[in-house]
């Protein structure tokens, strides 16, 4: 939702010279989501005290981000920093998933705590939406129609299914 209204929010919160920054918001929004996913995987890693692999992946992820920024920002400008961050977090999350999965195989008889298929599909959808939103920034009507449909769907679901937990 925030990606859809980012141009208007940026116009309210910043001066016009920051207008191009709107194109950094979608990849950073997806990166924030990936931080959440990383936290899920890390809970398992922390529990089984997989400190060294966690440290290696964390340092490698930071080094990848710094390296990509160093190489790409001079050629493409600051907007690419959002995408280098996204790529770094994708690698980061995949590596942490691998470490978590090894812990599950070793300590939990291969029980998978998370629905990884759903997480993967949702993550791919989020990345796709982020790219589409970038192209939709010039089409205000389309953005607000999509926003309305999302808010309508959420409202409908809350009204129809919101009382399930009360039973």
Protein backbone atom coordinates (compact mmCIF):
# COMPACT_ATOMS: atom_id res chain seq x y z
CA UNK A 1 0.00 0.00 0.00
CA UNK A 2 2.80 2.41 0.86
CA UNK A 3 4.50 1.68 -2.46
CA UNK A 4 1.32 2.74 -4.28
CA UNK A 5 1.09 6.11 -2.54
CA UNK A 6 4.84 6.75 -2.35
CA UNK A 7 4.87 9.67 -4.84
CA UNK A 8 2.27 11.56 -2.84
CA UNK A 9 3.94 10.79 0.47
CA UNK A 10 7.30 11.90 -0.88
CA UNK A 11 5.71 15.11 -2.18
CA UNK A 12 4.33 15.83 1.30
CA UNK A 13 7.45 14.83 3.24
CA UNK A 14 10.22 16.13 0.95
CA UNK A 15 10.99 18.82 -1.58
CA UNK A 16 10.67 18.29 -5.33
CA UNK A 17 14.41 17.69 -5.72
CA UNK A 18 13.88 14.34 -3.96
CA UNK A 19 11.24 13.22 -6.46
CA UNK A 20 13.46 10.59 -8.08
CA UNK A 21 13.81 8.88 -4.69
CA UNK A 22 10.34 7.43 -5.22
CA UNK A 23 11.93 4.74 -7.39
CA UNK A 24 13.99 3.53 -4.45
CA UNK A 25 10.94 2.89 -2.26
CA UNK A 26 9.63 -0.36 -3.84
CA UNK A 27 12.90 -2.33 -3.62
CA UNK A 28 13.46 -1.04 -0.08
CA UNK A 29 9.91 -2.04 0.89
CA UNK A 30 10.57 -5.58 -0.33
CA UNK A 31 13.92 -5.50 1.49
CA UNK A 32 12.05 -4.70 4.72
CA UNK A 33 9.83 -7.70 4.13
CA UNK A 34 12.94 -9.85 3.59
CA UNK A 35 14.34 -8.63 6.92
CA UNK A 36 11.19 -10.05 8.52
CA UNK A 37 11.68 -13.39 6.74
CA UNK A 38 15.34 -13.45 7.76
CA UNK A 39 14.23 -13.02 11.37
CA UNK A 40 12.02 -16.10 11.13
CA UNK A 41 14.87 -18.24 9.85
CA UNK A 42 17.35 -16.81 12.34
CA UNK A 43 15.20 -17.82 15.30
CA UNK A 44 15.83 -21.46 14.43
CA UNK A 45 19.53 -20.76 13.85
CA UNK A 46 19.83 -18.96 17.19
CA UNK A 47 18.04 -21.76 19.02
CA UNK A 48 20.49 -24.34 17.70
CA UNK A 49 23.43 -21.97 18.24
CA UNK A 50 24.63 -21.86 14.64
CA UNK A 51 26.66 -18.74 15.38
CA UNK A 52 29.57 -19.15 12.96
CA UNK A 53 27.48 -19.79 9.83
CA UNK A 54 25.18 -16.91 10.80
CA UNK A 55 28.14 -14.59 11.20
CA UNK A 56 29.66 -15.64 7.87
CA UNK A 57 26.39 -15.06 6.00
CA UNK A 58 25.83 -11.71 7.70
CA UNK A 59 29.32 -10.45 6.85
CA UNK A 60 29.07 -11.80 3.31
CA UNK A 61 25.67 -10.13 2.82
CA UNK A 62 27.02 -6.79 4.00
CA UNK A 63 30.12 -7.16 1.82
CA UNK A 64 27.95 -8.01 -1.20
CA UNK A 65 25.83 -4.90 -0.64
CA UNK A 66 28.86 -2.64 -0.22
CA UNK A 67 30.57 -4.17 -3.26
CA UNK A 68 27.52 -3.83 -5.49
CA UNK A 69 27.04 -0.23 -4.36
CA UNK A 70 30.70 0.56 -5.00
CA UNK A 71 30.52 -0.86 -8.52
CA UNK A 72 27.05 0.25 -9.62
CA UNK A 73 26.29 3.63 -7.98
CA UNK A 74 28.94 5.52 -10.00
CA UNK A 75 27.41 4.16 -13.24
CA UNK A 76 23.68 4.25 -12.46
CA UNK A 77 23.23 6.76 -9.62
CA UNK A 78 21.70 6.48 -6.18
CA UNK A 79 18.52 4.68 -7.32
CA UNK A 80 20.50 1.50 -7.93
CA UNK A 81 21.29 1.38 -4.20
CA UNK A 82 17.73 0.23 -3.53
CA UNK A 83 18.16 -2.63 -5.96
CA UNK A 84 21.59 -3.64 -4.67
CA UNK A 85 20.07 -3.76 -1.20
CA UNK A 86 17.26 -5.95 -2.51
CA UNK A 87 19.67 -8.33 -4.25
CA UNK A 88 21.82 -8.51 -1.13
CA UNK A 89 18.83 -9.33 1.06
CA UNK A 90 17.62 -12.00 -1.36
CA UNK A 91 21.03 -13.70 -1.15
CA UNK A 92 21.05 -13.12 2.61
CA UNK A 93 17.64 -14.76 3.12
CA UNK A 94 18.42 -17.71 0.84
CA UNK A 95 21.69 -18.38 2.68
CA UNK A 96 19.98 -18.14 6.07
CA UNK A 97 17.29 -20.51 4.83
CA UNK A 98 20.00 -23.03 3.90
CA UNK A 99 21.58 -22.74 7.36
CA UNK A 100 18.18 -23.05 9.04
CA UNK A 101 17.32 -26.06 6.91
CA UNK A 102 20.59 -27.77 7.89
CA UNK A 103 19.68 -27.18 11.55
CA UNK A 104 16.24 -28.66 10.99
CA UNK A 105 17.69 -31.72 9.31
CA UNK A 106 20.27 -32.23 12.05
CA UNK A 107 18.19 -31.41 15.14
CA UNK A 108 14.54 -31.72 14.17
CA UNK A 109 14.33 -34.85 12.00
CA UNK A 110 13.91 -32.67 8.90
CA UNK A 111 10.71 -31.09 10.19
CA UNK A 112 10.14 -27.85 8.31
CA UNK A 113 8.66 -25.24 10.63
CA UNK A 114 7.69 -22.80 7.89
CA UNK A 115 5.66 -23.12 4.71
CA UNK A 116 8.63 -22.33 2.49
CA UNK A 117 6.61 -22.76 -0.71
CA UNK A 118 4.19 -20.04 0.42
CA UNK A 119 7.05 -17.78 1.56
CA UNK A 120 8.80 -18.24 -1.79
CA UNK A 121 5.69 -17.55 -3.86
CA UNK A 122 4.78 -14.54 -1.73
CA UNK A 123 8.34 -13.20 -1.99
CA UNK A 124 8.39 -13.56 -5.78
CA UNK A 125 5.00 -11.85 -5.94
CA UNK A 126 6.27 -8.99 -3.76
CA UNK A 127 9.30 -8.50 -6.00
CA UNK A 128 7.08 -8.56 -9.08
CA UNK A 129 4.66 -6.07 -7.54
CA UNK A 130 7.56 -3.77 -6.62
CA UNK A 131 8.74 -3.71 -10.24
CA UNK A 132 5.20 -3.14 -11.54
CA UNK A 133 4.59 -0.32 -9.07
CA UNK A 134 7.72 1.43 -10.34
CA UNK A 135 6.22 1.48 -13.82
CA UNK A 136 2.81 2.56 -12.49
CA UNK A 137 4.07 5.73 -10.83
CA UNK A 138 3.15 7.78 -13.89
CA UNK A 139 -0.39 6.34 -13.93
CA UNK A 140 -2.16 7.84 -10.93
CA UNK A 141 -5.56 6.40 -11.82
CA UNK A 142 -4.26 2.84 -12.06
CA UNK A 143 -2.37 3.16 -8.77
CA UNK A 144 -5.42 4.43 -6.91
CA UNK A 145 -7.69 1.81 -8.49
CA UNK A 146 -5.32 -0.93 -7.28
CA UNK A 147 -5.14 0.76 -3.86
CA UNK A 148 -8.94 0.86 -3.68
CA UNK A 149 -9.19 -2.82 -4.63
CA UNK A 150 -6.66 -3.80 -1.97
CA UNK A 151 -8.42 -1.79 0.73
CA UNK A 152 -11.82 -3.12 -0.38
CA UNK A 153 -10.53 -6.70 -0.26
CA UNK A 154 -9.05 -6.23 3.20
CA UNK A 155 -12.25 -4.63 4.48
CA UNK A 156 -14.39 -7.38 2.95
CA UNK A 157 -12.20 -10.12 4.46
CA UNK A 158 -12.28 -8.48 7.89
CA UNK A 159 -16.06 -8.12 7.80
CA UNK A 160 -16.70 -11.62 6.46
CA UNK A 161 -14.02 -13.58 8.32
CA UNK A 162 -12.99 -11.28 11.16
CA UNK A 163 -15.24 -12.98 13.69
CA UNK A 164 -13.78 -16.47 13.22
CA UNK A 165 -11.45 -16.09 16.22
CA UNK A 166 -14.32 -14.96 18.47
CA UNK A 167 -15.95 -18.42 18.38
